[in-house]
Protein backbone atom coordinates (compact mmCIF):
# COMPACT_ATOMS: atom_id res chain seq x y z
CA MET A 1 32.94 1.23 5.96
CA SER A 2 33.45 -0.12 2.46
CA GLY A 3 29.99 0.75 1.16
CA TYR A 4 29.99 -2.31 -1.08
CA ALA A 5 28.95 -5.83 -0.14
CA PRO A 6 30.31 -8.17 -2.83
CA SER A 7 28.26 -11.11 -4.05
CA PRO A 8 30.08 -14.44 -3.71
CA GLU A 9 28.52 -15.96 -6.82
CA ASN A 10 30.11 -13.53 -9.29
CA GLY A 11 33.45 -15.36 -9.57
CA PRO A 12 36.16 -13.44 -11.49
CA ASP A 13 33.85 -10.43 -11.86
CA ARG A 14 33.61 -10.22 -8.09
CA GLU A 15 37.38 -9.94 -7.87
CA VAL A 16 37.36 -7.13 -10.43
CA VAL A 17 34.58 -5.26 -8.62
CA ASP A 18 36.30 -5.80 -5.25
CA ALA A 19 39.55 -4.41 -6.62
CA LEU A 20 37.75 -1.41 -8.11
CA ALA A 21 35.98 -0.81 -4.80
CA ARG A 22 39.24 -0.87 -2.84
CA ARG A 23 41.02 1.38 -5.30
CA HIS A 24 38.29 3.89 -6.19
CA ARG A 25 35.77 4.11 -3.36
CA ALA A 26 37.21 7.30 -1.87
CA ALA A 27 37.47 8.95 -5.29
CA LEU A 28 33.88 8.03 -6.06
CA VAL A 29 32.70 9.48 -2.75
CA ARG A 30 34.48 12.74 -3.63
CA TYR A 31 32.95 12.63 -7.12
CA PHE A 32 29.42 12.39 -5.72
CA GLN A 33 30.10 15.10 -3.16
CA ARG A 34 31.35 17.44 -5.91
CA LYS A 35 28.05 16.77 -7.66
CA GLY A 36 26.29 18.19 -4.56
CA PHE A 37 25.44 15.00 -2.69
CA THR A 38 25.68 14.83 1.10
CA ALA A 39 28.22 12.40 2.58
CA LEU A 40 25.49 9.79 3.20
CA ASP A 41 23.99 10.21 -0.28
CA ALA A 42 27.49 9.98 -1.78
CA GLU A 43 28.00 6.66 0.02
CA ASP A 44 24.64 5.48 -1.36
CA GLY A 45 25.78 6.51 -4.84
CA VAL A 46 29.03 4.56 -4.48
CA GLN A 47 27.07 1.54 -3.27
CA GLU A 48 24.80 1.79 -6.31
CA VAL A 49 27.81 2.00 -8.68
CA PHE A 50 29.32 -1.20 -7.31
CA GLU A 51 25.97 -2.96 -7.23
CA ARG A 52 25.48 -2.18 -10.91
CA LEU A 53 28.97 -3.40 -11.71
CA ALA A 54 28.42 -6.59 -9.72
CA ARG A 55 25.27 -7.34 -11.74
CA ARG A 56 27.18 -7.16 -15.04
CA ASP A 57 28.01 -10.61 -16.37
CA GLY A 58 31.41 -10.93 -18.00
CA LEU A 59 32.62 -7.58 -16.72
CA ALA A 60 36.24 -8.73 -16.61
CA ASP A 61 36.10 -9.87 -20.25
CA ARG A 62 34.17 -6.97 -21.81
CA VAL A 63 35.56 -3.82 -20.21
CA GLU A 64 39.09 -2.77 -21.16
CA HIS A 65 39.41 0.53 -19.26
CA PHE A 66 37.79 -0.05 -15.89
CA ASP A 67 38.56 3.40 -14.50
CA GLY A 68 36.75 5.22 -17.29
CA TYR A 69 33.90 2.73 -17.25
CA LEU A 70 33.59 3.06 -13.47
CA PHE A 71 33.16 6.84 -13.64
CA ALA A 72 30.76 6.54 -16.57
CA VAL A 73 28.59 4.28 -14.40
CA ALA A 74 28.97 6.79 -11.55
CA ALA A 75 27.75 9.59 -13.85
CA HIS A 76 24.66 7.54 -14.73
CA VAL A 77 24.02 6.77 -11.06
CA ALA A 78 24.37 10.46 -10.15
CA THR A 79 21.88 11.42 -12.86
CA ASP A 80 19.42 8.77 -11.68
CA LEU A 81 19.74 9.82 -8.03
CA LEU A 82 19.29 13.49 -8.88
CA ARG A 83 16.16 12.72 -10.93
CA ARG A 84 14.70 10.61 -8.13
CA GLY A 85 15.48 13.35 -5.62
CA ARG A 86 13.76 15.99 -7.75
CA ALA A 87 10.71 13.78 -8.23
CA ARG A 88 10.43 13.14 -4.49
CA ARG A 89 10.86 16.80 -3.62
CA SER A 90 8.28 17.88 -6.18
CA ARG A 91 5.73 15.41 -4.81
CA LEU A 92 6.45 16.54 -1.27
CA HIS A 93 6.20 20.15 -2.31
CA ASP A 94 2.83 19.68 -3.99
CA SER A 95 1.31 17.86 -1.04
CA TYR A 96 2.76 20.46 1.34
CA GLU A 97 1.22 23.27 -0.69
CA GLU A 98 -2.16 21.58 -0.74
CA ALA A 99 -2.11 20.91 2.99
CA VAL A 100 -0.87 24.33 4.10
CA HIS A 101 -2.72 26.51 1.63
CA ALA A 102 -6.25 25.18 1.90
CA PRO A 103 -8.65 27.15 -0.29
CA ARG A 104 -10.87 28.08 2.66
CA ASP A 105 -11.69 27.17 6.22
CA CYS A 106 -14.45 24.65 6.73
CA SER A 107 -17.38 25.14 9.05
CA PRO A 108 -17.89 22.65 11.89
CA GLU A 109 -20.83 21.21 9.95
CA GLU A 110 -18.68 20.63 6.88
CA VAL A 111 -15.99 18.99 9.00
CA LEU A 112 -18.60 16.68 10.54
CA GLU A 113 -20.05 15.83 7.11
CA GLY A 114 -16.54 15.10 5.82
CA ARG A 115 -15.77 12.82 8.75
CA GLU A 116 -19.04 10.96 8.27
CA ALA A 117 -18.36 10.54 4.54
CA LEU A 118 -14.87 9.27 5.35
CA ALA A 119 -16.28 6.77 7.86
CA ARG A 120 -18.75 5.52 5.21
CA LEU A 121 -15.91 5.19 2.73
CA VAL A 122 -13.73 3.22 5.16
CA THR A 123 -16.65 0.93 6.02
CA ALA A 124 -17.38 0.38 2.33
CA LEU A 125 -13.70 -0.31 1.66
CA LYS A 126 -13.73 -3.02 4.33
CA GLU A 127 -16.83 -4.56 2.70
CA LEU A 128 -15.04 -5.08 -0.64
CA PRO A 129 -13.73 -8.54 -1.51
CA GLU A 130 -10.09 -8.85 -0.45
CA ARG A 131 -8.58 -8.90 -3.96
CA THR A 132 -10.72 -5.96 -5.11
CA ARG A 133 -9.76 -3.96 -2.00
CA HIS A 134 -6.08 -4.83 -2.47
CA ILE A 135 -6.11 -3.72 -6.12
CA PHE A 136 -7.91 -0.48 -5.23
CA ILE A 137 -5.39 0.33 -2.47
CA LEU A 138 -2.42 -0.38 -4.73
CA ALA A 139 -3.84 1.75 -7.53
CA ARG A 140 -5.33 4.68 -5.66
CA LEU A 141 -3.39 4.93 -2.42
CA GLU A 142 0.02 3.60 -3.45
CA HIS A 143 -0.22 5.07 -6.97
CA MET A 144 0.90 1.89 -8.73
CA ARG A 145 0.20 1.52 -12.43
CA GLN A 146 -2.34 -1.09 -13.41
CA ALA A 147 0.21 -3.09 -15.42
CA GLU A 148 2.53 -3.18 -12.40
CA ILE A 149 -0.34 -4.38 -10.17
CA ALA A 150 -1.14 -7.12 -12.68
CA ARG A 151 2.50 -8.27 -12.70
CA ARG A 152 2.77 -8.16 -8.91
CA LEU A 153 -0.44 -10.13 -8.34
CA GLY A 154 0.05 -12.50 -11.29
CA VAL A 155 -3.25 -11.58 -12.95
CA SER A 156 -4.17 -10.08 -16.30
CA LEU A 157 -4.47 -6.36 -16.88
CA SER A 158 -8.18 -6.76 -17.66
CA THR A 159 -8.66 -8.43 -14.26
CA VAL A 160 -7.06 -5.46 -12.54
CA GLU A 161 -9.22 -3.06 -14.59
CA LYS A 162 -12.38 -5.03 -13.71
CA HIS A 163 -11.62 -5.08 -9.98
CA LEU A 164 -10.68 -1.40 -9.97
CA ALA A 165 -13.87 -0.38 -11.79
CA SER A 166 -15.92 -2.51 -9.43
CA ALA A 167 -14.28 -0.95 -6.37
CA ILE A 168 -14.75 2.59 -7.65
CA ALA A 169 -18.41 2.00 -8.44
CA TYR A 170 -19.11 0.36 -5.08
CA LEU A 171 -17.22 2.95 -3.05
CA GLY A 172 -18.85 5.80 -4.93
CA GLN A 173 -22.28 4.37 -4.25
CA LYS A 174 -21.60 3.72 -0.54
CA ALA A 175 -19.70 6.91 0.25
CA GLY A 176 -22.24 9.10 -1.52
CA ARG A 177 -25.24 7.90 0.44
CA SER A 178 -26.32 10.13 3.33
């Protein structure tokens, strides 16, 4: 398992990256494992290193000491992976805490009221225009930033803001009614 799938369009840079992969893959795996990564995460780290190198234009012309450069890229990848791992674990931890340590038990009446409110909310969500519903789901359920939603959908930021405000107002009105 090489862990690196070279891109045929990179020309001479591909040859450099391929040679680096053959010569240093095992050392990079050990490097990531010494940093505390599991064997699978270490392989992912090595893959990321070679993907970053493969994306560099003119790599063969601009880098004189490939070995040092390779491990500098690996250090950046390790830092990025550790940060992402911490962010994921902290989000999981928060949601776990909220789910396990509920502030109090709910009465059967409160559970029924909650289910009815949820059903009203889902019905109201289905009643929204498709674009408005899509923007609301991306923003509130998938936690995307408004600017990212605008880029993804090819609309202006003000359009996203307008649809989001409209969705929130409509859902608040519909879900709040008894």
